[in-house]
PDB file of all heavy atoms in Angstrom:
ATOM      1  N   ARG A   1      -9.318   1.181 -18.674  1.00  0.00           N
ATOM      2  CA  ARG A   1     -10.290   0.653 -17.710  1.00  0.00           C
ATOM      3  C   ARG A   1     -10.050   1.145 -16.266  1.00  0.00           C
ATOM      4  O   ARG A   1     -10.986   1.296 -15.475  1.00  0.00           O
ATOM      5  CB  ARG A   1     -10.153  -0.904 -17.695  1.00  0.00           C
ATOM      6  CG  ARG A   1     -10.623  -1.464 -19.090  1.00  0.00           C
ATOM      7  CD  ARG A   1     -10.578  -2.866 -19.226  1.00  0.00           C
ATOM      8  NE  ARG A   1     -10.772  -3.666 -18.059  1.00  0.00           N
ATOM      9  CZ  ARG A   1     -10.328  -4.880 -17.977  1.00  0.00           C
ATOM     10  NH1 ARG A   1      -9.708  -5.559 -18.893  1.00  0.00           N
ATOM     11  NH2 ARG A   1     -10.602  -5.578 -16.850  1.00  0.00           N
ATOM     12  N   VAL A   2      -8.816   1.387 -15.896  1.00  0.00           N
ATOM     13  CA  VAL A   2      -8.505   1.816 -14.592  1.00  0.00           C
ATOM     14  C   VAL A   2      -7.512   2.945 -14.564  1.00  0.00           C
ATOM     15  O   VAL A   2      -6.602   2.947 -15.367  1.00  0.00           O
ATOM     16  CB  VAL A   2      -7.949   0.661 -13.690  1.00  0.00           C
ATOM     17  CG1 VAL A   2      -7.528   1.157 -12.293  1.00  0.00           C
ATOM     18  CG2 VAL A   2      -8.957  -0.501 -13.650  1.00  0.00           C
ATOM     19  N   PHE A   3      -7.733   3.940 -13.761  1.00  0.00           N
ATOM     20  CA  PHE A   3      -6.822   5.095 -13.613  1.00  0.00           C
ATOM     21  C   PHE A   3      -6.252   5.137 -12.198  1.00  0.00           C
ATOM     22  O   PHE A   3      -6.953   5.116 -11.202  1.00  0.00           O
ATOM     23  CB  PHE A   3      -7.494   6.324 -13.848  1.00  0.00           C
ATOM     24  CG  PHE A   3      -7.959   6.510 -15.275  1.00  0.00           C
ATOM     25  CD1 PHE A   3      -9.095   5.845 -15.736  1.00  0.00           C
ATOM     26  CD2 PHE A   3      -7.261   7.318 -16.083  1.00  0.00           C
ATOM     27  CE1 PHE A   3      -9.470   6.041 -17.102  1.00  0.00           C
ATOM     28  CE2 PHE A   3      -7.575   7.415 -17.499  1.00  0.00           C
ATOM     29  CZ  PHE A   3      -8.737   6.773 -17.965  1.00  0.00           C
ATOM     30  N   LEU A   4      -4.980   5.008 -12.059  1.00  0.00           N
ATOM     31  CA  LEU A   4      -4.241   5.024 -10.734  1.00  0.00           C
ATOM     32  C   LEU A   4      -3.862   6.425 -10.374  1.00  0.00           C
ATOM     33  O   LEU A   4      -3.104   7.081 -11.275  1.00  0.00           O
ATOM     34  CB  LEU A   4      -3.075   4.031 -10.697  1.00  0.00           C
ATOM     35  CG  LEU A   4      -3.420   2.567 -10.918  1.00  0.00           C
ATOM     36  CD1 LEU A   4      -2.020   1.823 -10.989  1.00  0.00           C
ATOM     37  CD2 LEU A   4      -4.239   2.050  -9.754  1.00  0.00           C
ATOM     38  N   PHE A   5      -4.007   6.839  -9.175  1.00  0.00           N
ATOM     39  CA  PHE A   5      -3.678   8.099  -8.764  1.00  0.00           C
ATOM     40  C   PHE A   5      -2.947   8.008  -7.388  1.00  0.00           C
ATOM     41  O   PHE A   5      -3.478   7.326  -6.509  1.00  0.00           O
ATOM     42  CB  PHE A   5      -4.886   9.052  -8.547  1.00  0.00           C
ATOM     43  CG  PHE A   5      -5.569   9.375  -9.765  1.00  0.00           C
ATOM     44  CD1 PHE A   5      -6.702   8.608 -10.191  1.00  0.00           C
ATOM     45  CD2 PHE A   5      -5.189  10.445 -10.634  1.00  0.00           C
ATOM     46  CE1 PHE A   5      -7.382   8.856 -11.335  1.00  0.00           C
ATOM     47  CE2 PHE A   5      -5.896  10.717 -11.769  1.00  0.00           C
ATOM     48  CZ  PHE A   5      -6.995   9.921 -12.158  1.00  0.00           C
ATOM     49  N   ASP A   6      -1.813   8.669  -7.233  1.00  0.00           N
ATOM     50  CA  ASP A   6      -1.189   8.752  -5.941  1.00  0.00           C
ATOM     51  C   ASP A   6      -1.970   9.859  -5.183  1.00  0.00           C
ATOM     52  O   ASP A   6      -2.263  10.894  -5.766  1.00  0.00           O
ATOM     53  CB  ASP A   6       0.318   9.142  -6.131  1.00  0.00           C
ATOM     54  CG  ASP A   6       1.020   9.319  -4.762  1.00  0.00           C
ATOM     55  OD1 ASP A   6       0.797   8.513  -3.936  1.00  0.00           O
ATOM     56  OD2 ASP A   6       1.822  10.230  -4.673  1.00  0.00           O
ATOM     57  N   LEU A   7      -2.202   9.612  -3.957  1.00  0.00           N
ATOM     58  CA  LEU A   7      -3.103  10.516  -3.159  1.00  0.00           C
ATOM     59  C   LEU A   7      -2.221  11.886  -2.961  1.00  0.00           C
ATOM     60  O   LEU A   7      -2.746  12.951  -3.378  1.00  0.00           O
ATOM     61  CB  LEU A   7      -3.461   9.874  -1.884  1.00  0.00           C
ATOM     62  CG  LEU A   7      -4.215  10.743  -0.883  1.00  0.00           C
ATOM     63  CD1 LEU A   7      -5.612  11.071  -1.509  1.00  0.00           C
ATOM     64  CD2 LEU A   7      -4.447  10.002   0.486  1.00  0.00           C
ATOM     65  N   ASP A   8      -1.106  11.759  -2.274  1.00  0.00           N
ATOM     66  CA  ASP A   8      -0.420  12.986  -1.946  1.00  0.00           C
ATOM     67  C   ASP A   8       0.401  13.575  -3.024  1.00  0.00           C
ATOM     68  O   ASP A   8       1.213  12.867  -3.758  1.00  0.00           O
ATOM     69  CB  ASP A   8       0.506  12.655  -0.815  1.00  0.00           C
ATOM     70  CG  ASP A   8      -0.088  12.191   0.562  1.00  0.00           C
ATOM     71  OD1 ASP A   8      -1.138  12.870   0.870  1.00  0.00           O
ATOM     72  OD2 ASP A   8       0.221  11.171   1.024  1.00  0.00           O
ATOM     73  N   GLY A   9       0.079  14.837  -3.265  1.00  0.00           N
ATOM     74  CA  GLY A   9       0.695  15.596  -4.417  1.00  0.00           C
ATOM     75  C   GLY A   9       0.117  15.450  -5.776  1.00  0.00           C
ATOM     76  O   GLY A   9       0.459  16.152  -6.710  1.00  0.00           O
ATOM     77  N   THR A  10      -0.868  14.575  -5.935  1.00  0.00           N
ATOM     78  CA  THR A  10      -1.544  14.411  -7.217  1.00  0.00           C
ATOM     79  C   THR A  10      -2.987  14.734  -7.063  1.00  0.00           C
ATOM     80  O   THR A  10      -3.525  15.455  -7.878  1.00  0.00           O
ATOM     81  CB  THR A  10      -1.441  12.915  -7.679  1.00  0.00           C
ATOM     82  OG1 THR A  10      -0.037  12.622  -7.749  1.00  0.00           O
ATOM     83  CG2 THR A  10      -2.066  12.768  -9.014  1.00  0.00           C
ATOM     84  N   LEU A  11      -3.597  14.277  -5.958  1.00  0.00           N
ATOM     85  CA  LEU A  11      -5.028  14.665  -5.703  1.00  0.00           C
ATOM     86  C   LEU A  11      -5.204  15.710  -4.606  1.00  0.00           C
ATOM     87  O   LEU A  11      -6.030  16.507  -4.643  1.00  0.00           O
ATOM     88  CB  LEU A  11      -5.814  13.417  -5.322  1.00  0.00           C
ATOM     89  CG  LEU A  11      -5.920  12.384  -6.377  1.00  0.00           C
ATOM     90  CD1 LEU A  11      -6.647  11.119  -5.915  1.00  0.00           C
ATOM     91  CD2 LEU A  11      -6.545  12.862  -7.715  1.00  0.00           C
ATOM     92  N   VAL A  12      -4.329  15.610  -3.560  1.00  0.00           N
ATOM     93  CA  VAL A  12      -4.391  16.557  -2.402  1.00  0.00           C
ATOM     94  C   VAL A  12      -2.997  16.889  -2.011  1.00  0.00           C
ATOM     95  O   VAL A  12      -2.050  16.167  -2.362  1.00  0.00           O
ATOM     96  CB  VAL A  12      -5.057  15.958  -1.253  1.00  0.00           C
ATOM     97  CG1 VAL A  12      -6.493  15.593  -1.593  1.00  0.00           C
ATOM     98  CG2 VAL A  12      -4.412  14.717  -0.693  1.00  0.00           C
ATOM     99  N   LEU A  13      -2.851  18.076  -1.432  1.00  0.00           N
ATOM    100  CA  LEU A  13      -1.636  18.465  -0.802  1.00  0.00           C
ATOM    101  C   LEU A  13      -1.994  18.644   0.683  1.00  0.00           C
ATOM    102  O   LEU A  13      -2.578  19.661   1.037  1.00  0.00           O
ATOM    103  CB  LEU A  13      -1.030  19.782  -1.357  1.00  0.00           C
ATOM    104  CG  LEU A  13      -0.349  19.751  -2.689  1.00  0.00           C
ATOM    105  CD1 LEU A  13      -0.029  21.044  -3.188  1.00  0.00           C
ATOM    106  CD2 LEU A  13       0.918  18.888  -2.535  1.00  0.00           C
ATOM    107  N   GLY A  14      -1.459  17.760   1.509  1.00  0.00           N
ATOM    108  CA  GLY A  14      -1.896  17.736   2.926  1.00  0.00           C
ATOM    109  C   GLY A  14      -3.445  17.493   3.014  1.00  0.00           C
ATOM    110  O   GLY A  14      -3.899  16.417   2.643  1.00  0.00           O
ATOM    111  N   ARG A  15      -4.145  18.535   3.384  1.00  0.00           N
ATOM    112  CA  ARG A  15      -5.683  18.410   3.538  1.00  0.00           C
ATOM    113  C   ARG A  15      -6.292  19.258   2.470  1.00  0.00           C
ATOM    114  O   ARG A  15      -7.505  19.548   2.581  1.00  0.00           O
ATOM    115  CB  ARG A  15      -6.045  18.785   4.916  1.00  0.00           C
ATOM    116  CG  ARG A  15      -5.568  17.797   6.003  1.00  0.00           C
ATOM    117  CD  ARG A  15      -6.684  16.736   6.228  1.00  0.00           C
ATOM    118  NE  ARG A  15      -6.155  15.774   7.282  1.00  0.00           N
ATOM    119  CZ  ARG A  15      -6.661  14.592   7.321  1.00  0.00           C
ATOM    120  NH1 ARG A  15      -7.602  14.191   6.567  1.00  0.00           N
ATOM    121  NH2 ARG A  15      -6.201  13.756   8.290  1.00  0.00           N
ATOM    122  N   LYS A  16      -5.554  19.834   1.529  1.00  0.00           N
ATOM    123  CA  LYS A  16      -6.181  20.672   0.569  1.00  0.00           C
ATOM    124  C   LYS A  16      -6.266  19.941  -0.813  1.00  0.00           C
ATOM    125  O   LYS A  16      -5.175  19.356  -1.261  1.00  0.00           O
ATOM    126  CB  LYS A  16      -5.357  21.959   0.357  1.00  0.00           C
ATOM    127  CG  LYS A  16      -5.433  22.776   1.627  1.00  0.00           C
ATOM    128  CD  LYS A  16      -4.769  24.100   1.380  1.00  0.00           C
ATOM    129  CE  LYS A  16      -4.827  24.909   2.694  1.00  0.00           C
ATOM    130  NZ  LYS A  16      -4.286  26.245   2.509  1.00  0.00           N
ATOM    131  N   PRO A  17      -7.400  19.974  -1.500  1.00  0.00           N
ATOM    132  CA  PRO A  17      -7.502  19.319  -2.802  1.00  0.00           C
ATOM    133  C   PRO A  17      -6.723  20.170  -3.898  1.00  0.00           C
ATOM    134  O   PRO A  17      -6.568  21.357  -3.788  1.00  0.00           O
ATOM    135  CB  PRO A  17      -8.951  19.430  -3.177  1.00  0.00           C
ATOM    136  CG  PRO A  17      -9.483  20.479  -2.353  1.00  0.00           C
ATOM    137  CD  PRO A  17      -8.633  20.463  -1.170  1.00  0.00           C
ATOM    138  N   ILE A  18      -6.157  19.439  -4.823  1.00  0.00           N
ATOM    139  CA  ILE A  18      -5.448  20.076  -5.942  1.00  0.00           C
ATOM    140  C   ILE A  18      -6.481  20.467  -7.008  1.00  0.00           C
ATOM    141  O   ILE A  18      -7.465  19.694  -7.206  1.00  0.00           O
ATOM    142  CB  ILE A  18      -4.395  19.118  -6.545  1.00  0.00           C
ATOM    143  CG1 ILE A  18      -3.263  18.949  -5.570  1.00  0.00           C
ATOM    144  CG2 ILE A  18      -3.893  19.642  -7.901  1.00  0.00           C
ATOM    145  CD1 ILE A  18      -2.208  18.136  -5.938  1.00  0.00           C
ATOM    146  N   GLY A  19      -6.368  21.684  -7.475  1.00  0.00           N
ATOM    147  CA  GLY A  19      -7.476  22.150  -8.344  1.00  0.00           C
ATOM    148  C   GLY A  19      -7.914  21.209  -9.431  1.00  0.00           C
ATOM    149  O   GLY A  19      -6.982  20.719 -10.164  1.00  0.00           O
ATOM    150  N   GLY A  20      -9.105  20.898  -9.638  1.00  0.00           N
ATOM    151  CA  GLY A  20      -9.573  20.113 -10.655  1.00  0.00           C
ATOM    152  C   GLY A  20      -9.600  18.546 -10.416  1.00  0.00           C
ATOM    153  O   GLY A  20     -10.241  17.799 -11.133  1.00  0.00           O
ATOM    154  N   ALA A  21      -8.906  18.193  -9.246  1.00  0.00           N
ATOM    155  CA  ALA A  21      -8.896  16.770  -8.939  1.00  0.00           C
ATOM    156  C   ALA A  21     -10.246  16.128  -8.695  1.00  0.00           C
ATOM    157  O   ALA A  21     -10.592  15.014  -9.178  1.00  0.00           O
ATOM    158  CB  ALA A  21      -8.024  16.477  -7.779  1.00  0.00           C
ATOM    159  N   GLY A  22     -11.040  16.744  -7.875  1.00  0.00           N
ATOM    160  CA  GLY A  22     -12.407  16.267  -7.676  1.00  0.00           C
ATOM    161  C   GLY A  22     -13.271  16.148  -8.866  1.00  0.00           C
ATOM    162  O   GLY A  22     -13.926  15.173  -9.069  1.00  0.00           O
ATOM    163  N   GLU A  23     -13.133  17.125  -9.675  1.00  0.00           N
ATOM    164  CA  GLU A  23     -13.983  17.206 -10.841  1.00  0.00           C
ATOM    165  C   GLU A  23     -13.516  16.138 -11.827  1.00  0.00           C
ATOM    166  O   GLU A  23     -14.373  15.552 -12.503  1.00  0.00           O
ATOM    167  CB  GLU A  23     -13.878  18.635 -11.575  1.00  0.00           C
ATOM    168  CG  GLU A  23     -14.539  19.674 -10.809  1.00  0.00           C
ATOM    169  CD  GLU A  23     -13.592  20.384  -9.708  1.00  0.00           C
ATOM    170  OE1 GLU A  23     -12.462  19.781  -9.409  1.00  0.00           O
ATOM    171  OE2 GLU A  23     -14.018  21.362  -9.090  1.00  0.00           O
ATOM    172  N   PHE A  24     -12.239  15.943 -11.930  1.00  0.00           N
ATOM    173  CA  PHE A  24     -11.749  14.817 -12.805  1.00  0.00           C
ATOM    174  C   PHE A  24     -12.221  13.429 -12.291  1.00  0.00           C
ATOM    175  O   PHE A  24     -12.566  12.600 -13.149  1.00  0.00           O
ATOM    176  CB  PHE A  24     -10.233  14.932 -12.978  1.00  0.00           C
ATOM    177  CG  PHE A  24      -9.791  13.924 -13.957  1.00  0.00           C
ATOM    178  CD1 PHE A  24     -10.084  14.026 -15.387  1.00  0.00           C
ATOM    179  CD2 PHE A  24      -8.850  12.839 -13.713  1.00  0.00           C
ATOM    180  CE1 PHE A  24      -9.690  13.112 -16.297  1.00  0.00           C
ATOM    181  CE2 PHE A  24      -8.437  11.911 -14.545  1.00  0.00           C
ATOM    182  CZ  PHE A  24      -8.831  12.120 -15.900  1.00  0.00           C
ATOM    183  N   LEU A  25     -12.136  13.175 -10.994  1.00  0.00           N
ATOM    184  CA  LEU A  25     -12.565  11.902 -10.478  1.00  0.00           C
ATOM    185  C   LEU A  25     -14.109  11.795 -10.670  1.00  0.00           C
ATOM    186  O   LEU A  25     -14.585  10.639 -11.103  1.00  0.00           O
ATOM    187  CB  LEU A  25     -12.307  11.824  -8.994  1.00  0.00           C
ATOM    188  CG  LEU A  25     -10.850  11.768  -8.581  1.00  0.00           C
ATOM    189  CD1 LEU A  25     -10.715  11.770  -7.052  1.00  0.00           C
ATOM    190  CD2 LEU A  25     -10.182  10.469  -9.086  1.00  0.00           C
ATOM    191  N   ASP A  26     -14.912  12.842 -10.539  1.00  0.00           N
ATOM    192  CA  ASP A  26     -16.275  12.803 -10.935  1.00  0.00           C
ATOM    193  C   ASP A  26     -16.500  12.446 -12.348  1.00  0.00           C
ATOM    194  O   ASP A  26     -17.391  11.667 -12.784  1.00  0.00           O
ATOM    195  CB  ASP A  26     -16.999  14.081 -10.479  1.00  0.00           C
ATOM    196  CG  ASP A  26     -17.161  14.330  -9.083  1.00  0.00           C
ATOM    197  OD1 ASP A  26     -17.056  13.306  -8.375  1.00  0.00           O
ATOM    198  OD2 ASP A  26     -17.294  15.450  -8.678  1.00  0.00           O
ATOM    199  N   PHE A  27     -15.660  13.092 -13.233  1.00  0.00           N
ATOM    200  CA  PHE A  27     -15.845  12.832 -14.666  1.00  0.00           C
ATOM    201  C   PHE A  27     -15.561  11.351 -14.926  1.00  0.00           C
ATOM    202  O   PHE A  27     -16.320  10.728 -15.700  1.00  0.00           O
ATOM    203  CB  PHE A  27     -14.793  13.678 -15.417  1.00  0.00           C
ATOM    204  CG  PHE A  27     -14.571  13.208 -16.866  1.00  0.00           C
ATOM    205  CD1 PHE A  27     -15.529  13.457 -17.762  1.00  0.00           C
ATOM    206  CD2 PHE A  27     -13.502  12.507 -17.209  1.00  0.00           C
ATOM    207  CE1 PHE A  27     -15.205  13.073 -19.120  1.00  0.00           C
ATOM    208  CE2 PHE A  27     -13.210  12.094 -18.442  1.00  0.00           C
ATOM    209  CZ  PHE A  27     -14.179  12.365 -19.471  1.00  0.00           C
ATOM    210  N   LEU A  28     -14.558  10.696 -14.299  1.00  0.00           N
ATOM    211  CA  LEU A  28     -14.208   9.342 -14.582  1.00  0.00           C
ATOM    212  C   LEU A  28     -15.412   8.473 -14.103  1.00  0.00           C
ATOM    213  O   LEU A  28     -15.814   7.607 -14.833  1.00  0.00           O
ATOM    214  CB  LEU A  28     -12.980   8.925 -13.865  1.00  0.00           C
ATOM    215  CG  LEU A  28     -11.601   9.474 -14.340  1.00  0.00           C
ATOM    216  CD1 LEU A  28     -10.467   9.127 -13.422  1.00  0.00           C
ATOM    217  CD2 LEU A  28     -11.397   9.067 -15.765  1.00  0.00           C
ATOM    218  N   LYS A  29     -15.971   8.728 -12.950  1.00  0.00           N
ATOM    219  CA  LYS A  29     -17.057   7.939 -12.415  1.00  0.00           C
ATOM    220  C   LYS A  29     -18.236   8.075 -13.378  1.00  0.00           C
ATOM    221  O   LYS A  29     -18.933   7.046 -13.670  1.00  0.00           O
ATOM    222  CB  LYS A  29     -17.351   8.352 -11.095  1.00  0.00           C
ATOM    223  CG  LYS A  29     -16.337   7.851 -10.044  1.00  0.00           C
ATOM    224  CD  LYS A  29     -16.805   8.183  -8.687  1.00  0.00           C
ATOM    225  CE  LYS A  29     -16.015   9.210  -8.020  1.00  0.00           C
ATOM    226  NZ  LYS A  29     -16.321   9.578  -6.664  1.00  0.00           N
TER     227      LYS A  29
END
């Protein structure tokens, strides 16, 4: 039902997205 993600180091590094993170969040939505 819910997916928890740590922001730093899992979805982004500083101000740069980690490859595939945005696409995976879109997939979940």
